[in-house]
Every structure is written in structure tokens, then in C-alpha cells.
Amino acid sequence: MVERAPDVTYALVQDFAGASQAAYDRLSAVGGEEAPSGLILHAAGPTDGGIRVIDVWESRAAYEAFQLERPQLPSGAAAAGPWAGPGSEELEVHHLLGPPPRRHLPPG
């Protein structure tokens, strides 16, 4: 594993094999609508094999604080439905560019 600086922008890409959009929506409802402190961007959508979630955080510390603040999410994952995973990849963000994120983009 690569040693990471604590104040570097942090991204986490997770693939939930076998997850449906309905299962993601149930899990999202457990997490709530309010963006947690330190979250820059959250994007989720279908893949050929399930759901991919991409989160960008101000730092790994911000992500870890979120994990401690919202302990209900692991049990929410079980309630959302059975699926394998998640498979995940972490990375330090070298460059991030774009407008402020919008919430809940309409389908299509």
C-alpha cells in the first residue's frame, strides 16, 4: 500500500458487484441527504455488474471521521440487499477540476 499524506485530497472508488439501483437507493436513505463534512463529491451509477460509487474527500482524515460519525452505514449496507464486495481502490487526487456538484441528477 502506498503511504499517503494526511492532508492530500483523497478519493475512493468502490464497485458493488450485483447491487441494484434500488439497493443503492435504500442504502442512500440510511445515510441521509446531508453531505458529510469533508466530502467534495459523491457520484454513484450503474455498471454492467452492479453499482460504482466514487467519493472525493478533502483528506483521508475527513473520510475516516465520516466512518466514525455514521456507524449506521455498515448495517444499512446489509439492509440494502445482498451483493458481493465492495471492491475498492484508493487514490490521492492529483488534479480536481469542475463546477460544484449537483445533487440527485435526473435519469437520462
Protein backbone atom coordinates (compact mmCIF):
# COMPACT_ATOMS: atom_id res chain seq x y z
CA MET A 1 0.00 0.00 0.00
CA VAL A 2 1.23 3.48 -0.83
CA GLU A 3 2.00 5.77 2.13
CA ARG A 4 -0.40 8.71 1.99
CA ALA A 5 -0.03 12.23 3.27
CA PRO A 6 -2.84 13.11 5.73
CA ASP A 7 -3.79 16.45 4.12
CA VAL A 8 -3.95 15.33 0.48
CA THR A 9 -7.30 15.15 -1.32
CA TYR A 10 -8.43 11.52 -1.14
CA ALA A 11 -10.66 9.53 -3.48
CA LEU A 12 -12.30 6.17 -3.02
CA VAL A 13 -13.79 4.19 -5.91
CA GLN A 14 -16.00 1.27 -4.85
CA ASP A 15 -17.62 -1.37 -7.04
CA PHE A 16 -20.59 -3.20 -5.52
CA ALA A 17 -20.94 -6.33 -7.65
CA GLY A 18 -24.54 -7.47 -8.04
CA ALA A 19 -26.01 -4.34 -6.42
CA SER A 20 -29.10 -2.82 -7.99
CA GLN A 21 -30.06 0.83 -8.16
CA ALA A 22 -32.93 0.06 -5.77
CA ALA A 23 -30.44 -1.41 -3.27
CA TYR A 24 -28.23 1.68 -3.59
CA ASP A 25 -31.25 3.92 -3.03
CA ARG A 26 -32.15 2.03 0.17
CA LEU A 27 -28.58 2.38 1.46
CA SER A 28 -28.50 6.05 0.49
CA ALA A 29 -31.68 6.62 2.52
CA VAL A 30 -29.92 5.18 5.60
CA GLY A 31 -27.03 7.61 5.08
CA GLY A 32 -29.28 10.65 4.78
CA GLU A 33 -29.38 13.58 2.40
CA GLU A 34 -26.91 15.87 4.14
CA ALA A 35 -23.38 15.76 2.72
CA PRO A 36 -20.91 14.93 5.46
CA SER A 37 -18.19 17.35 6.44
CA GLY A 38 -15.17 16.99 4.18
CA LEU A 39 -16.97 15.36 1.25
CA ILE A 40 -16.22 17.15 -2.02
CA LEU A 41 -18.05 14.86 -4.42
CA HIS A 42 -20.18 11.70 -4.31
CA ALA A 43 -21.22 10.03 -7.56
CA ALA A 44 -22.94 6.67 -7.99
CA GLY A 45 -24.26 4.86 -11.01
CA PRO A 46 -24.84 1.51 -12.64
CA THR A 47 -22.15 -0.62 -14.23
CA ASP A 48 -22.52 -3.85 -16.19
CA GLY A 49 -22.06 -5.78 -12.95
CA GLY A 50 -23.61 -3.61 -10.24
CA ILE A 51 -23.08 -0.13 -8.85
CA ARG A 52 -19.94 2.03 -8.79
CA VAL A 53 -19.53 4.74 -6.14
CA ILE A 54 -16.88 7.45 -6.41
CA ASP A 55 -16.23 9.68 -3.41
CA VAL A 56 -13.73 12.54 -3.26
CA TRP A 57 -12.81 13.82 0.20
CA GLU A 58 -10.80 16.81 1.40
CA SER A 59 -8.44 14.27 3.03
CA ARG A 60 -8.26 10.67 4.17
CA ALA A 61 -8.79 12.00 7.71
CA ALA A 62 -12.12 13.51 6.61
CA TYR A 63 -13.18 10.14 5.19
CA GLU A 64 -12.14 8.33 8.38
CA ALA A 65 -14.06 10.87 10.51
CA PHE A 66 -17.15 10.18 8.37
CA GLN A 67 -16.77 6.46 9.03
CA LEU A 68 -16.77 7.15 12.78
CA GLU A 69 -19.67 9.64 12.64
CA ARG A 70 -22.02 7.40 10.64
CA PRO A 71 -21.67 3.89 12.10
CA GLN A 72 -25.19 3.04 10.90
CA LEU A 73 -23.99 2.65 7.31
CA PRO A 74 -22.47 -0.85 7.63
CA SER A 75 -25.77 -2.23 8.95
CA GLY A 76 -27.55 -0.21 6.28
CA ALA A 77 -25.49 -2.00 3.64
CA ALA A 78 -26.80 -5.33 4.90
CA ALA A 79 -30.36 -3.98 4.81
CA ALA A 80 -29.95 -2.66 1.27
CA GLY A 81 -29.58 -6.15 -0.13
CA PRO A 82 -27.05 -8.90 -0.69
CA TRP A 83 -24.16 -8.26 -3.03
CA ALA A 84 -20.52 -9.15 -3.23
CA GLY A 85 -17.99 -6.51 -2.39
CA PRO A 86 -17.26 -3.84 -2.33
CA GLY A 87 -14.11 -3.93 -4.38
CA SER A 88 -12.36 -0.64 -3.79
CA GLU A 89 -9.46 1.46 -4.94
CA GLU A 90 -7.98 4.41 -3.07
CA LEU A 91 -6.00 7.21 -4.63
CA GLU A 92 -4.52 10.58 -3.88
CA VAL A 93 -6.11 13.17 -6.15
CA HIS A 94 -3.52 14.99 -8.19
CA HIS A 95 -5.94 17.28 -10.04
CA LEU A 96 -9.61 18.06 -9.45
CA LEU A 97 -11.50 20.47 -11.68
CA GLY A 98 -15.17 21.19 -12.15
CA PRO A 99 -18.24 23.09 -11.02
CA PRO A 100 -19.78 22.49 -7.61
CA PRO A 101 -21.56 19.11 -7.64
CA ARG A 102 -25.33 18.91 -8.07
CA ARG A 103 -27.47 16.54 -6.04
CA HIS A 104 -29.61 13.76 -7.49
CA LEU A 105 -29.31 14.24 -11.21
CA PRO A 106 -32.48 13.14 -13.03
CA PRO A 107 -32.26 9.91 -15.08
CA GLY A 108 -31.42 10.13 -18.76
